[in-house]
N, C-alpha and C. Protein backbone atom coordinates (compact mmCIF):
# COMPACT_ATOMS: atom_id res chain seq x y z
N MET A 1 0.84 -1.18 0.00
CA MET A 1 0.00 0.00 0.00
C MET A 1 0.89 1.25 0.00
N ALA A 2 0.59 2.16 -0.88
CA ALA A 2 1.38 3.39 -1.01
C ALA A 2 1.13 4.31 0.18
N LYS A 3 2.20 4.90 0.65
CA LYS A 3 2.10 5.86 1.75
C LYS A 3 1.66 7.21 1.19
N THR A 4 0.69 7.81 1.84
CA THR A 4 0.22 9.12 1.40
C THR A 4 0.85 10.21 2.26
N LYS A 5 0.95 11.40 1.69
CA LYS A 5 1.51 12.54 2.40
C LYS A 5 0.38 13.46 2.83
N LYS A 6 0.63 14.16 3.90
CA LYS A 6 -0.29 15.22 4.30
C LYS A 6 -0.15 16.35 3.29
N TRP A 7 -1.24 17.10 3.12
CA TRP A 7 -1.23 18.23 2.20
C TRP A 7 -0.10 19.20 2.53
N SER A 8 0.10 19.48 3.81
CA SER A 8 1.13 20.45 4.20
C SER A 8 2.53 19.98 3.79
N GLU A 9 2.77 18.67 3.88
CA GLU A 9 4.07 18.14 3.46
C GLU A 9 4.25 18.25 1.95
N TYR A 10 3.20 17.90 1.22
CA TYR A 10 3.26 18.00 -0.24
C TYR A 10 3.48 19.45 -0.68
N LYS A 11 2.72 20.37 -0.06
CA LYS A 11 2.83 21.78 -0.43
C LYS A 11 4.24 22.30 -0.16
N LYS A 12 4.82 21.91 0.96
CA LYS A 12 6.17 22.37 1.29
C LYS A 12 7.18 21.85 0.26
N GLU A 13 7.05 20.59 -0.12
CA GLU A 13 7.95 20.03 -1.14
C GLU A 13 7.75 20.74 -2.47
N TYR A 14 6.50 20.97 -2.84
CA TYR A 14 6.17 21.62 -4.10
C TYR A 14 6.74 23.03 -4.15
N LEU A 15 6.57 23.78 -3.06
CA LEU A 15 7.00 25.18 -3.03
C LEU A 15 8.50 25.34 -2.81
N ALA A 16 9.20 24.26 -2.50
CA ALA A 16 10.66 24.33 -2.39
C ALA A 16 11.29 24.57 -3.75
N ASP A 17 10.59 24.19 -4.81
CA ASP A 17 11.06 24.45 -6.17
C ASP A 17 10.76 25.91 -6.51
N SER A 18 11.77 26.64 -6.94
CA SER A 18 11.60 28.09 -7.16
C SER A 18 10.59 28.42 -8.25
N GLU A 19 10.50 27.62 -9.30
CA GLU A 19 9.52 27.89 -10.36
C GLU A 19 8.10 27.64 -9.86
N ASN A 20 7.92 26.58 -9.08
CA ASN A 20 6.60 26.32 -8.51
C ASN A 20 6.21 27.44 -7.55
N ALA A 21 7.16 27.89 -6.76
CA ALA A 21 6.89 28.97 -5.80
C ALA A 21 6.51 30.25 -6.53
N ARG A 22 7.21 30.54 -7.61
CA ARG A 22 6.90 31.75 -8.39
C ARG A 22 5.48 31.67 -8.95
N GLY A 23 5.12 30.57 -9.52
CA GLY A 23 3.77 30.41 -10.06
C GLY A 23 2.70 30.50 -8.98
N TYR A 24 2.98 29.93 -7.84
CA TYR A 24 2.06 29.96 -6.70
C TYR A 24 1.83 31.40 -6.24
N LEU A 25 2.92 32.16 -6.14
CA LEU A 25 2.80 33.55 -5.70
C LEU A 25 2.17 34.43 -6.77
N GLU A 26 2.45 34.16 -8.02
CA GLU A 26 1.78 34.91 -9.09
C GLU A 26 0.27 34.72 -8.99
N ALA A 27 -0.16 33.49 -8.77
CA ALA A 27 -1.59 33.22 -8.62
C ALA A 27 -2.15 33.91 -7.38
N ALA A 28 -1.39 33.90 -6.29
CA ALA A 28 -1.84 34.54 -5.05
C ALA A 28 -1.98 36.05 -5.24
N PHE A 29 -1.03 36.67 -5.95
CA PHE A 29 -1.13 38.11 -6.21
C PHE A 29 -2.31 38.41 -7.13
N GLU A 30 -2.56 37.56 -8.12
CA GLU A 30 -3.71 37.77 -9.00
C GLU A 30 -5.02 37.66 -8.23
N GLU A 31 -5.11 36.68 -7.35
CA GLU A 31 -6.31 36.53 -6.52
C GLU A 31 -6.49 37.75 -5.61
N PHE A 32 -5.39 38.23 -5.05
CA PHE A 32 -5.46 39.42 -4.20
C PHE A 32 -5.96 40.61 -5.00
N GLN A 33 -5.47 40.74 -6.22
CA GLN A 33 -5.90 41.83 -7.10
C GLN A 33 -7.41 41.75 -7.34
N ALA A 34 -7.92 40.53 -7.46
CA ALA A 34 -9.34 40.32 -7.78
C ALA A 34 -10.26 40.44 -6.56
N ASP A 35 -9.81 39.93 -5.40
CA ASP A 35 -10.74 39.85 -4.28
C ASP A 35 -10.29 40.56 -3.01
N ASP A 36 -9.10 41.18 -3.04
CA ASP A 36 -8.59 41.95 -1.90
C ASP A 36 -8.43 41.12 -0.63
N ASP A 37 -8.18 39.81 -0.79
CA ASP A 37 -8.00 38.92 0.36
C ASP A 37 -6.53 38.93 0.77
N ARG A 38 -6.16 39.93 1.56
CA ARG A 38 -4.77 40.10 1.97
C ARG A 38 -4.30 38.92 2.81
N ALA A 39 -5.18 38.35 3.64
CA ALA A 39 -4.79 37.23 4.51
C ALA A 39 -4.27 36.06 3.68
N SER A 40 -4.95 35.74 2.60
CA SER A 40 -4.51 34.63 1.74
C SER A 40 -3.16 34.93 1.10
N LEU A 41 -2.96 36.17 0.68
CA LEU A 41 -1.69 36.55 0.09
C LEU A 41 -0.56 36.43 1.10
N MET A 42 -0.78 36.91 2.31
CA MET A 42 0.26 36.83 3.33
C MET A 42 0.60 35.38 3.67
N LEU A 43 -0.43 34.54 3.75
CA LEU A 43 -0.19 33.13 4.05
C LEU A 43 0.50 32.43 2.89
N ALA A 44 0.24 32.85 1.66
CA ALA A 44 0.96 32.28 0.51
C ALA A 44 2.44 32.66 0.58
N LEU A 45 2.73 33.91 0.89
CA LEU A 45 4.12 34.34 1.05
C LEU A 45 4.80 33.56 2.17
N ARG A 46 4.08 33.36 3.26
CA ARG A 46 4.63 32.62 4.40
C ARG A 46 4.90 31.16 4.01
N SER A 47 3.98 30.54 3.28
CA SER A 47 4.16 29.15 2.86
C SER A 47 5.41 29.00 2.00
N VAL A 48 5.62 29.93 1.09
CA VAL A 48 6.80 29.88 0.23
C VAL A 48 8.06 30.08 1.08
N ALA A 49 8.03 31.05 1.97
CA ALA A 49 9.20 31.31 2.83
C ALA A 49 9.53 30.08 3.67
N GLU A 50 8.52 29.43 4.21
CA GLU A 50 8.75 28.23 5.02
C GLU A 50 9.33 27.10 4.17
N ALA A 51 8.84 26.95 2.96
CA ALA A 51 9.31 25.89 2.08
C ALA A 51 10.72 26.14 1.58
N GLN A 52 11.12 27.40 1.52
CA GLN A 52 12.42 27.75 0.95
C GLN A 52 13.47 28.01 2.02
N GLY A 53 13.34 27.37 3.15
CA GLY A 53 14.37 27.47 4.18
C GLY A 53 13.88 27.93 5.52
N GLY A 54 12.68 28.43 5.59
CA GLY A 54 12.12 28.84 6.86
C GLY A 54 12.13 30.35 7.07
N LEU A 55 11.23 30.79 7.94
CA LEU A 55 11.11 32.22 8.21
C LEU A 55 12.32 32.76 8.97
N GLY A 56 12.90 31.95 9.83
CA GLY A 56 14.08 32.40 10.56
C GLY A 56 15.24 32.71 9.63
N LYS A 57 15.48 31.82 8.67
CA LYS A 57 16.56 32.02 7.70
C LYS A 57 16.27 33.24 6.83
N LEU A 58 15.01 33.37 6.38
CA LEU A 58 14.65 34.52 5.56
C LEU A 58 14.83 35.82 6.33
N ALA A 59 14.38 35.84 7.58
CA ALA A 59 14.51 37.04 8.41
C ALA A 59 15.98 37.44 8.54
N GLU A 60 16.82 36.46 8.75
CA GLU A 60 18.25 36.74 8.89
C GLU A 60 18.83 37.27 7.57
N ASN A 61 18.43 36.66 6.46
CA ASN A 61 18.96 37.05 5.15
C ASN A 61 18.54 38.46 4.75
N VAL A 62 17.36 38.90 5.16
CA VAL A 62 16.87 40.22 4.75
C VAL A 62 16.95 41.24 5.88
N ASN A 63 17.56 40.83 6.99
CA ASN A 63 17.80 41.73 8.12
C ASN A 63 16.50 42.31 8.70
N ILE A 64 15.54 41.42 8.92
CA ILE A 64 14.29 41.77 9.60
C ILE A 64 14.20 40.90 10.85
N LYS A 65 13.76 41.47 11.93
CA LYS A 65 13.58 40.67 13.14
C LYS A 65 12.59 39.55 12.85
N ARG A 66 12.94 38.35 13.31
CA ARG A 66 12.12 37.17 13.04
C ARG A 66 10.67 37.37 13.48
N GLU A 67 10.49 37.95 14.66
CA GLU A 67 9.14 38.18 15.18
C GLU A 67 8.35 39.12 14.27
N ASN A 68 9.03 40.14 13.75
CA ASN A 68 8.37 41.08 12.84
C ASN A 68 7.97 40.40 11.53
N LEU A 69 8.82 39.50 11.06
CA LEU A 69 8.50 38.78 9.83
C LEU A 69 7.31 37.84 10.04
N TYR A 70 7.30 37.13 11.17
CA TYR A 70 6.16 36.26 11.48
C TYR A 70 4.87 37.08 11.52
N ARG A 71 4.94 38.23 12.13
CA ARG A 71 3.75 39.09 12.24
C ARG A 71 3.33 39.62 10.86
N ALA A 72 4.30 40.04 10.06
CA ALA A 72 3.99 40.60 8.74
C ALA A 72 3.35 39.55 7.83
N LEU A 73 3.79 38.30 7.95
CA LEU A 73 3.29 37.24 7.08
C LEU A 73 2.25 36.38 7.77
N SER A 74 1.47 37.00 8.62
CA SER A 74 0.36 36.31 9.28
C SER A 74 -0.93 36.69 8.58
N GLU A 75 -2.03 36.04 8.96
CA GLU A 75 -3.33 36.35 8.36
C GLU A 75 -3.70 37.82 8.53
N LYS A 76 -3.29 38.42 9.63
CA LYS A 76 -3.60 39.83 9.88
C LYS A 76 -2.44 40.74 9.52
N GLY A 77 -1.43 40.17 8.87
CA GLY A 77 -0.25 40.95 8.52
C GLY A 77 -0.57 42.07 7.53
N ASN A 78 0.14 43.16 7.70
CA ASN A 78 0.00 44.30 6.81
C ASN A 78 1.39 44.92 6.62
N PRO A 79 2.25 44.17 5.90
CA PRO A 79 3.63 44.65 5.78
C PRO A 79 3.74 45.93 4.97
N THR A 80 4.76 46.69 5.27
CA THR A 80 5.04 47.87 4.46
C THR A 80 5.52 47.42 3.09
N ILE A 81 5.52 48.32 2.16
CA ILE A 81 6.02 48.00 0.82
C ILE A 81 7.50 47.62 0.88
N GLU A 82 8.24 48.23 1.81
CA GLU A 82 9.65 47.90 1.97
C GLU A 82 9.83 46.47 2.48
N THR A 83 8.98 46.07 3.44
CA THR A 83 9.06 44.71 3.95
C THR A 83 8.69 43.71 2.87
N LEU A 84 7.65 44.02 2.11
CA LEU A 84 7.26 43.14 1.00
C LEU A 84 8.40 43.02 -0.01
N ARG A 85 9.02 44.14 -0.33
CA ARG A 85 10.17 44.12 -1.25
C ARG A 85 11.29 43.24 -0.70
N ASP A 86 11.60 43.42 0.59
CA ASP A 86 12.68 42.65 1.21
C ASP A 86 12.36 41.16 1.23
N VAL A 87 11.12 40.80 1.53
CA VAL A 87 10.71 39.40 1.54
C VAL A 87 10.86 38.81 0.14
N LEU A 88 10.36 39.51 -0.86
CA LEU A 88 10.47 39.01 -2.23
C LEU A 88 11.93 38.92 -2.67
N ASN A 89 12.73 39.92 -2.31
CA ASN A 89 14.16 39.84 -2.63
C ASN A 89 14.80 38.62 -1.97
N GLY A 90 14.43 38.37 -0.72
CA GLY A 90 14.96 37.21 0.00
C GLY A 90 14.55 35.89 -0.64
N LEU A 91 13.43 35.91 -1.35
CA LEU A 91 12.96 34.72 -2.06
C LEU A 91 13.42 34.73 -3.52
N HIS A 92 14.28 35.70 -3.86
CA HIS A 92 14.84 35.86 -5.21
C HIS A 92 13.74 36.12 -6.24
N LEU A 93 12.79 36.97 -5.84
CA LEU A 93 11.68 37.36 -6.71
C LEU A 93 11.55 38.87 -6.69
N LYS A 94 10.83 39.41 -7.67
CA LYS A 94 10.55 40.83 -7.68
C LYS A 94 9.16 41.05 -8.25
N ILE A 95 8.61 42.19 -7.96
CA ILE A 95 7.30 42.55 -8.50
C ILE A 95 7.49 43.03 -9.92
N ARG A 96 6.63 42.59 -10.80
CA ARG A 96 6.66 43.02 -12.19
C ARG A 96 5.26 43.49 -12.56
N LEU A 97 5.17 44.64 -13.15
CA LEU A 97 3.88 45.19 -13.51
C LEU A 97 3.53 44.85 -14.96
N VAL A 98 2.27 44.47 -15.14
CA VAL A 98 1.77 44.20 -16.49
C VAL A 98 0.43 44.91 -16.62
N PRO A 99 0.09 45.33 -17.82
CA PRO A 99 -1.19 46.02 -18.00
C PRO A 99 -2.37 45.10 -17.69
N ILE A 100 -3.41 45.70 -17.18
CA ILE A 100 -4.66 44.99 -16.95
C ILE A 100 -5.44 45.05 -18.25
N ALA A 101 -5.91 43.90 -18.69
CA ALA A 101 -6.73 43.87 -19.91
C ALA A 101 -8.01 44.64 -19.67
N GLN A 102 -8.33 45.55 -20.54
CA GLN A 102 -9.54 46.35 -20.41
C GLN A 102 -10.68 45.64 -21.10
N SER A 103 -11.84 45.64 -20.44
CA SER A 103 -13.01 45.00 -21.06
C SER A 103 -13.42 45.80 -22.30
N GLY A 104 -13.70 45.09 -23.36
CA GLY A 104 -14.11 45.74 -24.59
C GLY A 104 -12.95 46.18 -25.46
N ALA A 105 -11.72 46.13 -24.94
CA ALA A 105 -10.55 46.53 -25.75
C ALA A 105 -10.23 45.43 -26.74
N GLN A 106 -9.79 45.83 -27.91
CA GLN A 106 -9.46 44.84 -28.94
C GLN A 106 -8.07 45.01 -29.44
């Protein structure tokens, strides 16, 4: 009988891959753009950070106090744009702007 993994274990393994993590966060940012669910976006960032070495390592790499990073990437987190930039830099990602398709535009 095949051993099954818990979802959290599978997600952590999946997000350890940088391309998978990038796609996951792109989807999370798109969802945030559509529904303004900041909690889901923060938890997505946290999941990627945990999968890519942990929040402690990320905090150390980007020179943010670990407690502040945990708070920023919580469901109620509201990080500054600088903190968001630092977190993304620590994950070797950056924000890229693309035009929003306008309805009726051809």
